[in-house]
Protein backbone atom coordinates (compact mmCIF):
# COMPACT_ATOMS: atom_id res chain seq x y z
CA MET A 1 -24.40 -18.23 -47.28
CA GLN A 2 -25.06 -21.16 -44.95
CA LEU A 3 -22.29 -19.93 -42.67
CA LEU A 4 -23.84 -16.45 -42.55
CA THR A 5 -27.22 -17.95 -41.74
CA ARG A 6 -25.79 -19.81 -38.78
CA LEU A 7 -23.92 -16.82 -37.37
CA PHE A 8 -26.06 -13.74 -38.09
CA THR A 9 -29.64 -12.48 -38.09
CA PRO A 10 -31.42 -11.80 -41.43
CA SER A 11 -30.97 -8.02 -41.07
CA GLN A 12 -27.26 -8.44 -40.40
CA ILE A 13 -26.90 -10.76 -43.39
CA GLN A 14 -28.54 -8.12 -45.61
CA GLN A 15 -26.04 -5.49 -44.45
CA ILE A 16 -23.11 -7.81 -45.09
CA VAL A 17 -24.29 -8.69 -48.59
CA THR A 18 -24.93 -5.07 -49.61
CA THR A 19 -21.45 -3.92 -48.57
CA ASP A 20 -20.04 -5.39 -51.80
CA ASN A 21 -21.46 -2.43 -53.72
CA ARG A 22 -20.10 0.27 -51.41
CA PRO A 23 -17.28 2.31 -52.98
CA ASP A 24 -15.28 2.56 -49.77
CA VAL A 25 -14.86 -1.22 -49.51
CA LEU A 26 -13.79 -1.61 -53.12
CA VAL A 27 -10.57 0.33 -52.54
CA GLU A 28 -7.61 -1.98 -52.64
CA GLU A 29 -5.71 -1.40 -49.41
CA SER A 30 -3.62 -3.69 -47.24
CA ASP A 31 -4.95 -4.67 -43.83
CA ARG A 32 -3.76 -2.66 -40.86
CA LEU A 33 -4.27 -2.51 -37.11
CA ILE A 34 -6.84 0.00 -35.86
CA TRP A 35 -6.64 1.76 -32.47
CA GLN A 36 -10.31 1.99 -31.49
CA GLN A 37 -9.76 4.73 -28.89
CA THR A 38 -9.17 7.42 -31.57
CA LYS A 39 -11.25 8.60 -34.53
CA ASP A 40 -8.51 8.11 -37.10
CA GLY A 41 -7.57 4.69 -35.75
CA LYS A 42 -3.95 5.69 -35.14
CA TYR A 43 -2.14 4.84 -31.93
CA SER A 44 0.22 7.19 -30.14
CA VAL A 45 1.96 7.11 -26.79
CA ARG A 46 -0.15 10.08 -25.74
CA GLU A 47 -3.41 8.23 -26.51
CA GLY A 48 -2.16 5.10 -24.79
CA TYR A 49 -1.32 7.11 -21.69
CA LYS A 50 -4.81 8.62 -21.68
CA VAL A 51 -6.38 5.16 -21.65
CA LEU A 52 -4.15 3.96 -18.81
CA THR A 53 -4.83 7.10 -16.80
CA ARG A 54 -8.57 6.72 -17.36
CA GLU A 55 -8.44 3.13 -16.11
CA GLN A 56 -6.46 4.08 -13.02
CA ASN A 57 -8.81 6.93 -12.20
CA ASP A 58 -11.96 4.82 -12.39
CA LEU A 59 -13.71 5.60 -9.12
CA VAL A 60 -14.69 2.66 -6.96
CA ASP A 61 -18.14 3.13 -5.45
CA THR A 62 -17.37 2.76 -1.74
CA GLN A 63 -19.78 5.41 -0.47
CA ALA A 64 -22.36 2.80 0.43
CA ILE A 65 -19.95 1.10 2.84
CA ASP A 66 -20.28 1.87 6.53
CA TRP A 67 -16.57 2.40 7.19
CA GLN A 68 -17.18 3.12 10.86
CA LEU A 69 -18.49 -0.42 11.20
CA ILE A 70 -15.04 -1.62 10.13
CA TRP A 71 -12.75 0.93 11.82
CA LYS A 72 -14.50 0.71 15.20
CA GLN A 73 -14.65 -3.09 15.19
CA ARG A 74 -12.50 -3.99 18.21
CA LYS A 75 -12.19 -7.65 17.27
CA LEU A 76 -10.55 -6.98 13.91
CA THR A 77 -6.77 -6.67 13.80
CA PRO A 78 -5.23 -3.67 12.02
CA LYS A 79 -4.02 -6.07 9.32
CA VAL A 80 -7.57 -7.19 8.54
CA LYS A 81 -8.88 -3.63 8.50
CA ILE A 82 -6.18 -2.56 6.05
CA PHE A 83 -6.91 -5.65 3.96
CA LEU A 84 -10.60 -4.71 3.75
CA TRP A 85 -9.77 -1.14 2.79
CA ARG A 86 -7.44 -2.28 0.00
CA LEU A 87 -9.93 -4.90 -1.18
CA LEU A 88 -12.84 -2.47 -1.42
CA HIS A 89 -10.68 0.07 -3.23
CA LYS A 90 -9.52 -2.70 -5.57
CA GLY A 91 -5.93 -2.25 -4.52
CA LEU A 92 -4.99 -5.91 -4.05
CA PRO A 93 -2.67 -7.46 -6.67
CA MET A 94 -5.21 -9.71 -8.39
CA ALA A 95 -3.81 -11.53 -11.42
CA ALA A 96 -6.36 -10.08 -13.86
CA ASN A 97 -5.69 -6.53 -12.67
CA LEU A 98 -1.93 -7.01 -13.03
CA HIS A 99 -2.46 -8.41 -16.54
CA ARG A 100 -4.08 -5.14 -17.61
CA ARG A 101 -0.79 -3.37 -16.90
CA ILE A 102 1.70 -6.16 -17.63
CA ASN A 103 0.83 -7.93 -20.87
CA ASN A 104 2.88 -11.06 -20.24
CA PHE A 105 1.42 -11.52 -16.74
CA THR A 106 -1.00 -14.47 -16.64
CA PRO A 107 -4.50 -13.32 -15.60
CA THR A 108 -5.68 -16.82 -14.71
CA CYS A 109 -6.28 -17.93 -11.13
CA GLN A 110 -3.34 -20.13 -10.11
CA ARG A 111 -5.52 -22.27 -7.85
CA CYS A 112 -8.12 -23.48 -10.35
CA ASN A 113 -6.48 -22.44 -13.66
CA GLN A 114 -9.96 -21.94 -15.12
CA GLU A 115 -11.04 -18.32 -14.69
CA ASN A 116 -9.39 -14.92 -14.62
CA GLU A 117 -8.62 -13.84 -11.08
CA TYR A 118 -10.63 -10.81 -10.06
CA GLU A 119 -11.67 -9.95 -6.49
CA MET A 120 -14.91 -11.93 -6.56
CA HIS A 121 -13.32 -14.97 -8.17
CA CYS A 122 -10.38 -14.96 -5.77
CA LEU A 123 -12.40 -14.71 -2.57
CA PHE A 124 -15.72 -16.31 -3.52
CA PHE A 125 -16.18 -17.89 -6.95
CA CYS A 126 -13.05 -20.04 -7.19
CA GLU A 127 -14.03 -23.62 -6.40
CA LEU A 128 -11.61 -23.79 -3.48
CA SER A 129 -12.95 -20.54 -2.02
CA ARG A 130 -16.50 -21.86 -2.47
CA GLN A 131 -15.62 -24.84 -0.30
CA VAL A 132 -14.42 -22.56 2.49
CA TRP A 133 -17.64 -20.54 2.51
CA PHE A 134 -19.91 -23.56 2.15
CA ALA A 135 -18.26 -25.62 4.91
CA GLY A 136 -17.45 -22.67 7.17
CA ALA A 137 -19.51 -21.27 10.00
CA MET A 138 -21.37 -18.78 7.79
CA GLY A 139 -22.53 -21.34 5.22
CA ILE A 140 -22.65 -18.79 2.39
CA ARG A 141 -23.90 -19.98 -1.03
CA VAL A 142 -21.68 -17.94 -3.29
CA HIS A 143 -23.79 -18.49 -6.41
CA GLU A 144 -26.34 -16.10 -4.90
CA LEU A 145 -23.85 -13.25 -4.49
CA PRO A 146 -23.55 -10.18 -6.77
CA LEU A 147 -20.69 -10.01 -9.26
CA ASP A 148 -19.18 -6.85 -7.77
CA ILE A 149 -16.97 -7.04 -4.66
CA VAL A 150 -18.16 -3.72 -3.19
CA GLN A 151 -21.81 -4.66 -3.63
CA THR A 152 -21.17 -8.10 -2.14
CA VAL A 153 -19.40 -6.84 0.96
CA THR A 154 -21.95 -4.05 1.49
CA GLN A 155 -24.84 -6.48 1.20
CA ILE A 156 -23.36 -8.99 3.64
CA LEU A 157 -22.10 -6.47 6.21
CA GLY A 158 -25.55 -4.89 6.36
CA GLN A 159 -26.99 -8.17 7.64
CA LEU A 160 -24.38 -8.94 10.33
CA ASP A 161 -23.77 -8.02 13.96
CA ASP A 162 -20.26 -7.38 15.34
CA ASP A 163 -19.48 -11.08 15.71
CA GLY A 164 -20.67 -11.72 12.16
CA VAL A 165 -18.51 -8.91 10.79
CA GLU A 166 -15.50 -10.44 12.55
CA LEU A 167 -16.21 -13.90 11.14
CA PHE A 168 -16.86 -12.64 7.61
CA ALA A 169 -13.77 -10.41 7.48
CA ASN A 170 -11.44 -13.02 8.97
CA THR A 171 -12.67 -15.63 6.49
CA MET A 172 -11.80 -13.41 3.53
CA TRP A 173 -8.46 -12.58 5.14
CA GLU A 174 -7.52 -16.24 5.65
CA ILE A 175 -8.54 -17.11 2.06
CA TRP A 176 -6.34 -14.28 0.79
CA LYS A 177 -3.34 -15.39 2.86
CA GLU A 178 -3.70 -19.00 1.70
CA ARG A 179 -4.02 -17.81 -1.89
CA ASN A 180 -0.76 -15.88 -1.51
CA LYS A 181 1.01 -19.03 -0.33
CA VAL A 182 -0.13 -20.78 -3.50
CA VAL A 183 1.18 -17.95 -5.69
CA ILE A 184 4.44 -17.28 -3.86
CA GLU A 185 5.38 -20.61 -2.29
CA HIS A 186 3.57 -22.88 -4.79
CA SER A 187 1.84 -24.68 -1.94
CA ILE A 188 -1.52 -26.47 -2.06
CA PHE A 189 -4.70 -24.63 -1.08
CA ARG A 190 -6.39 -26.61 1.71
CA PRO A 191 -9.91 -25.33 2.53
CA GLN A 192 -10.12 -27.23 5.83
CA GLU A 193 -6.97 -25.57 7.13
CA VAL A 194 -8.39 -22.17 6.21
CA ILE A 195 -11.62 -22.94 8.07
CA GLN A 196 -9.67 -24.07 11.12
CA ARG A 197 -7.56 -20.90 11.17
CA VAL A 198 -10.71 -18.78 10.98
CA LYS A 199 -12.13 -20.63 14.00
CA VAL A 200 -8.94 -20.14 15.99
CA GLY A 201 -8.74 -16.46 15.09
CA VAL A 202 -12.35 -15.73 16.04
CA SER A 203 -12.17 -17.70 19.29
CA THR A 204 -9.13 -15.76 20.51
CA GLY A 205 -10.85 -12.42 19.81
CA LEU A 206 -9.02 -9.45 21.28
CA MET A 207 -5.95 -11.55 22.08
CA LEU A 208 -5.00 -11.34 18.40
CA ILE A 209 -4.65 -7.58 18.39
CA GLN A 210 -3.38 -6.92 21.89
CA PRO A 211 0.32 -7.49 21.05
CA GLN A 212 0.07 -5.18 18.04
CA ARG A 213 -1.66 -2.41 19.98
CA SER A 214 0.67 -2.62 22.96
CA LEU A 215 3.66 -2.38 20.61
CA ILE A 216 2.50 1.02 19.43
CA GLU A 217 0.95 2.32 22.66
CA GLU A 218 4.05 1.68 24.74
CA THR A 219 6.29 3.62 22.35
CA SER A 220 3.94 6.39 21.20
CA MET A 221 4.74 9.99 22.13
CA GLU A 222 2.28 12.86 22.27
CA LYS A 223 5.18 15.33 22.50
CA TYR A 224 8.84 14.57 22.07
CA GLU A 225 10.80 14.89 25.34
CA PHE A 226 14.52 15.62 25.10
CA GLN A 227 16.58 13.13 27.06
CA ASN A 228 19.94 13.66 28.71
CA GLU A 229 21.33 10.36 27.51
CA GLY A 230 21.27 8.40 24.28
CA TRP A 231 20.67 9.12 20.63
CA GLN A 232 17.24 9.88 19.19
CA VAL A 233 16.40 10.37 15.52
CA LEU A 234 13.11 11.98 14.44
CA VAL A 235 12.08 10.95 10.92
CA ASP A 236 9.32 12.23 8.64
CA ALA A 237 8.41 12.63 4.96
CA SER A 238 6.30 15.03 2.93
CA TRP A 239 4.58 13.98 -0.30
CA ASP A 240 2.15 15.51 -2.77
CA ILE A 241 0.03 14.06 -5.52
CA GLY A 242 2.56 15.12 -8.13
CA THR A 243 4.87 12.38 -6.78
CA LYS A 244 7.31 14.98 -5.41
CA SER A 245 8.57 14.07 -1.95
CA GLY A 246 10.71 15.63 0.74
CA ARG A 247 12.29 13.61 3.53
CA ALA A 248 14.09 14.68 6.67
CA TYR A 249 15.56 13.43 9.91
CA VAL A 250 16.78 15.29 12.97
CA VAL A 251 19.48 13.64 15.12
CA PHE A 252 19.77 14.42 18.83
CA ASP A 253 22.62 13.38 21.11
CA LYS A 254 21.84 13.61 24.83
CA GLY A 255 19.01 16.03 24.12
CA LYS A 256 21.08 18.38 21.96
CA LEU A 257 20.73 18.87 18.22
CA HIS A 258 23.58 17.05 16.49
CA SER A 259 22.79 16.97 12.77
CA VAL A 260 20.03 16.96 10.20
CA GLY A 261 19.33 15.40 6.85
CA LEU A 262 17.14 16.68 4.01
CA HIS A 263 16.43 14.79 0.81
CA SER A 264 14.16 15.35 -2.17
CA SER A 265 13.20 13.11 -5.08
CA ASN A 266 10.16 11.65 -6.80
CA MET A 267 8.19 8.96 -4.96
CA PHE A 268 5.12 7.06 -6.14
CA ASP A 269 3.24 7.10 -2.83
CA PRO A 270 3.54 8.48 0.73
CA PHE A 271 4.41 5.10 2.27
CA GLN A 272 7.38 4.75 -0.07
CA ALA A 273 8.49 8.24 1.00
CA GLU A 274 8.18 7.41 4.72
CA THR A 275 10.12 4.16 4.25
CA THR A 276 12.85 5.88 2.24
CA ALA A 277 13.20 8.54 4.95
CA LEU A 278 13.81 5.89 7.61
CA VAL A 279 16.32 4.06 5.39
CA GLU A 280 18.20 7.31 4.75
CA ALA A 281 18.24 8.14 8.46
CA MET A 282 19.71 4.75 9.36
CA MET A 283 22.29 4.94 6.60
CA TYR A 284 23.41 8.36 7.83
CA VAL A 285 23.63 7.33 11.49
CA TYR A 286 25.46 4.06 10.93
CA ASP A 287 27.36 4.63 7.69
CA GLU A 288 28.24 8.34 7.94
CA LEU A 289 28.40 9.01 11.67
CA LYS A 290 29.63 5.44 12.19
CA LEU A 291 28.02 5.15 15.60
CA PRO A 292 28.96 1.88 17.34
CA ARG A 293 26.45 -0.93 17.47
CA LEU A 294 26.70 -1.25 21.24
CA ILE A 295 24.85 2.00 21.93
CA THR A 296 21.07 2.21 21.67
CA ILE A 297 19.64 4.48 18.97
CA GLN A 298 15.92 5.25 18.81
CA PHE A 299 14.27 6.13 15.51
CA PHE A 300 10.81 7.72 15.68
CA SER A 301 8.31 7.74 12.79
CA ASP A 302 4.64 8.69 12.61
CA CYS A 303 3.94 5.97 10.00
CA TYR A 304 2.04 3.31 11.95
CA ASN A 305 2.19 0.61 9.26
CA LEU A 306 5.92 1.08 8.74
CA VAL A 307 6.72 0.75 12.46
CA LEU A 308 4.51 -2.33 12.66
CA ALA A 309 6.07 -4.01 9.61
CA VAL A 310 9.65 -3.39 10.76
CA ASN A 311 9.13 -4.51 14.36
CA GLN A 312 7.20 -7.62 13.40
CA ALA A 313 9.44 -8.41 10.40
CA ASP A 314 6.29 -8.90 8.32
CA ILE A 315 5.76 -7.38 4.86
CA THR A 316 2.36 -9.03 4.29
CA ASP A 317 0.40 -5.82 4.73
CA VAL A 318 2.87 -3.27 3.42
CA PRO A 319 0.54 -0.91 1.46
CA SER A 320 3.12 -0.12 -1.25
CA TRP A 321 4.77 -2.89 -3.25
CA ARG A 322 7.44 -0.39 -4.31
CA ALA A 323 8.48 -0.02 -0.67
CA VAL A 324 8.82 -3.76 0.02
CA PRO A 325 12.58 -4.00 -0.81
CA MET A 326 13.34 -1.09 1.53
CA VAL A 327 11.21 -2.56 4.33
CA ASN A 328 13.18 -5.79 3.95
CA GLN A 329 16.38 -3.74 4.14
CA LEU A 330 15.21 -2.20 7.42
CA ILE A 331 14.27 -5.60 8.82
CA ARG A 332 17.71 -7.00 7.97
CA ARG A 333 19.41 -4.07 9.70
CA MET A 334 17.19 -4.53 12.75
CA ASN A 335 18.17 -8.19 12.93
CA GLU A 336 21.84 -7.34 12.46
CA TYR A 337 21.98 -4.70 15.19
CA GLY A 338 19.66 -6.43 17.67
CA GLN A 339 18.66 -4.38 20.73
CA GLY A 340 20.95 -1.54 19.69
CA ILE A 341 18.39 -0.21 17.23
CA ARG A 342 14.76 0.62 17.98
CA VAL A 343 12.05 1.87 15.65
CA GLN A 344 9.18 3.47 17.54
CA HIS A 345 5.94 5.24 16.73
CA ALA A 346 5.26 8.89 17.51
CA LYS A 347 2.43 11.22 16.57
CA ARG A 348 3.20 13.94 14.06
CA GLU A 349 3.05 16.65 16.73
CA ALA A 350 6.08 15.04 18.36
CA LEU A 351 8.03 15.15 15.09
CA HIS A 352 7.43 18.79 14.22
CA GLN A 353 11.12 19.47 13.53
CA ALA A 354 11.48 16.63 11.03
CA HIS A 355 8.07 17.40 9.53
CA ALA A 356 8.98 21.06 8.94
CA LEU A 357 12.29 20.16 7.31
CA ALA A 358 10.62 17.54 5.11
CA ASN A 359 8.24 20.18 3.77
CA VAL A 360 11.17 22.53 3.09
CA ALA A 361 13.06 19.75 1.29
CA ARG A 362 10.04 18.98 -0.90
CA ARG A 363 9.27 22.58 -1.84
CA CYS A 364 12.89 23.63 -2.40
CA SER A 365 14.30 20.32 -3.72
CA LEU A 366 17.01 20.29 -1.04
CA ASN A 367 19.54 17.55 -0.37
CA PHE A 368 21.84 17.93 2.62
CA GLU A 369 23.34 15.90 5.49
CA GLY A 370 25.38 17.25 8.36
CA PRO A 371 25.48 19.73 11.26
CA PRO A 372 23.13 22.75 11.00
CA GLN A 373 26.12 25.13 11.12
CA MET A 374 27.40 23.67 7.85
CA ARG A 375 23.93 24.14 6.36
CA MET A 376 23.93 27.83 7.30
CA LYS A 377 27.14 28.44 5.35
CA GLN A 378 25.46 27.16 2.18
CA LEU A 379 22.50 29.51 2.44
CA GLY A 380 21.91 33.20 2.08
CA GLY A 381 19.13 35.75 2.29
CA LEU A 382 15.66 34.96 3.59
CA THR A 383 16.07 31.16 3.48
CA LYS A 384 19.10 31.38 5.74
CA GLU A 385 17.26 33.62 8.21
CA ILE A 386 14.28 31.27 8.38
CA GLU A 387 16.40 28.17 8.93
CA GLU A 388 18.62 29.91 11.49
CA LYS A 389 15.56 30.74 13.57
CA PHE A 390 14.31 27.21 13.22
CA PHE A 391 17.55 25.61 14.37
CA GLN A 392 17.89 28.14 17.17
CA ARG A 393 14.49 27.12 18.55
CA VAL A 394 15.47 23.46 18.38
CA GLN A 395 18.78 24.05 20.17
CA GLU A 396 17.13 26.13 22.88
CA ALA A 397 14.59 23.42 23.69
CA PRO A 398 14.80 22.59 27.41
CA PRO A 399 16.78 19.41 28.24
């Protein structure tokens, strides 16, 4: 009774004591685990899937965020903008979030080993992150911040000018990068080094993003122009929310249609589909056609992040962890072939042939590689007529 007095209120104690006379508790029955998500307490794979789906579909309240303030900020690099988008949609691989899906994954912050690592703990509440904010140029007292990351960012951004937005965003970005080094490379988190990198990044301003922008602007195409010399490969993917994807590439030799490839399979996200399409195109060109390494082959994709990651050999901001191995595969092939292989960016309008075929591959679950004439022999009826007209238009394009 003394134990009950210490742990419960008088009304709760009364309920506990009176349960001895209830018939339902007098039944002799062995203890068993209860699944609290169902009325009968029984677990099933179906019920477990419902819970997981409900967790994944929890909407993050980002309507209060002025996204234009971020997207139009000229001093923020594309990497930082993508980082902010993923952060505010809770798409970063925080340890606590991973633990919810992988039971044996440790949810604890690997820097302090004291608290579970959520967004606010990682970027603000961890003692090492606190030191960065306290000693940095903004002098933020993190104990005054809200507990929610979206509310915190919204509150702070609403009080800052353009220079303040740049400083705030770059500070979070540098903390995140240093945190990743601790997790992946088992290095030591040094707040002073983070503060110094923030100062250097802010002081250089537009110089940080000029190389990235020029990389894309110099190679972008509004409309694809057929060339009399060289090989060009147009690559695109089509994806829907049901995870079904279609991928296609169109190979031109000296401005003339040489061959096409269509593939269809399930993909978890559009970036994985775009990356797979580029991998398949390279495998076909080099492994099937066996084109020599000495000639220059240009691959065009409308996926900005993919082109950036491959050309800079940097997977830090790849938006799909499932695509990371394939991006690494592309980077290795780029290094192996040197100047003989180029991956360039083009707007979707310039890739209309590959885009159309990718949609066909997705809808019809097609898989084919080779010259269009071979494809025609495999088809009949309306599908054949449609594709014949399509390939005829491509072949008749002016050189």
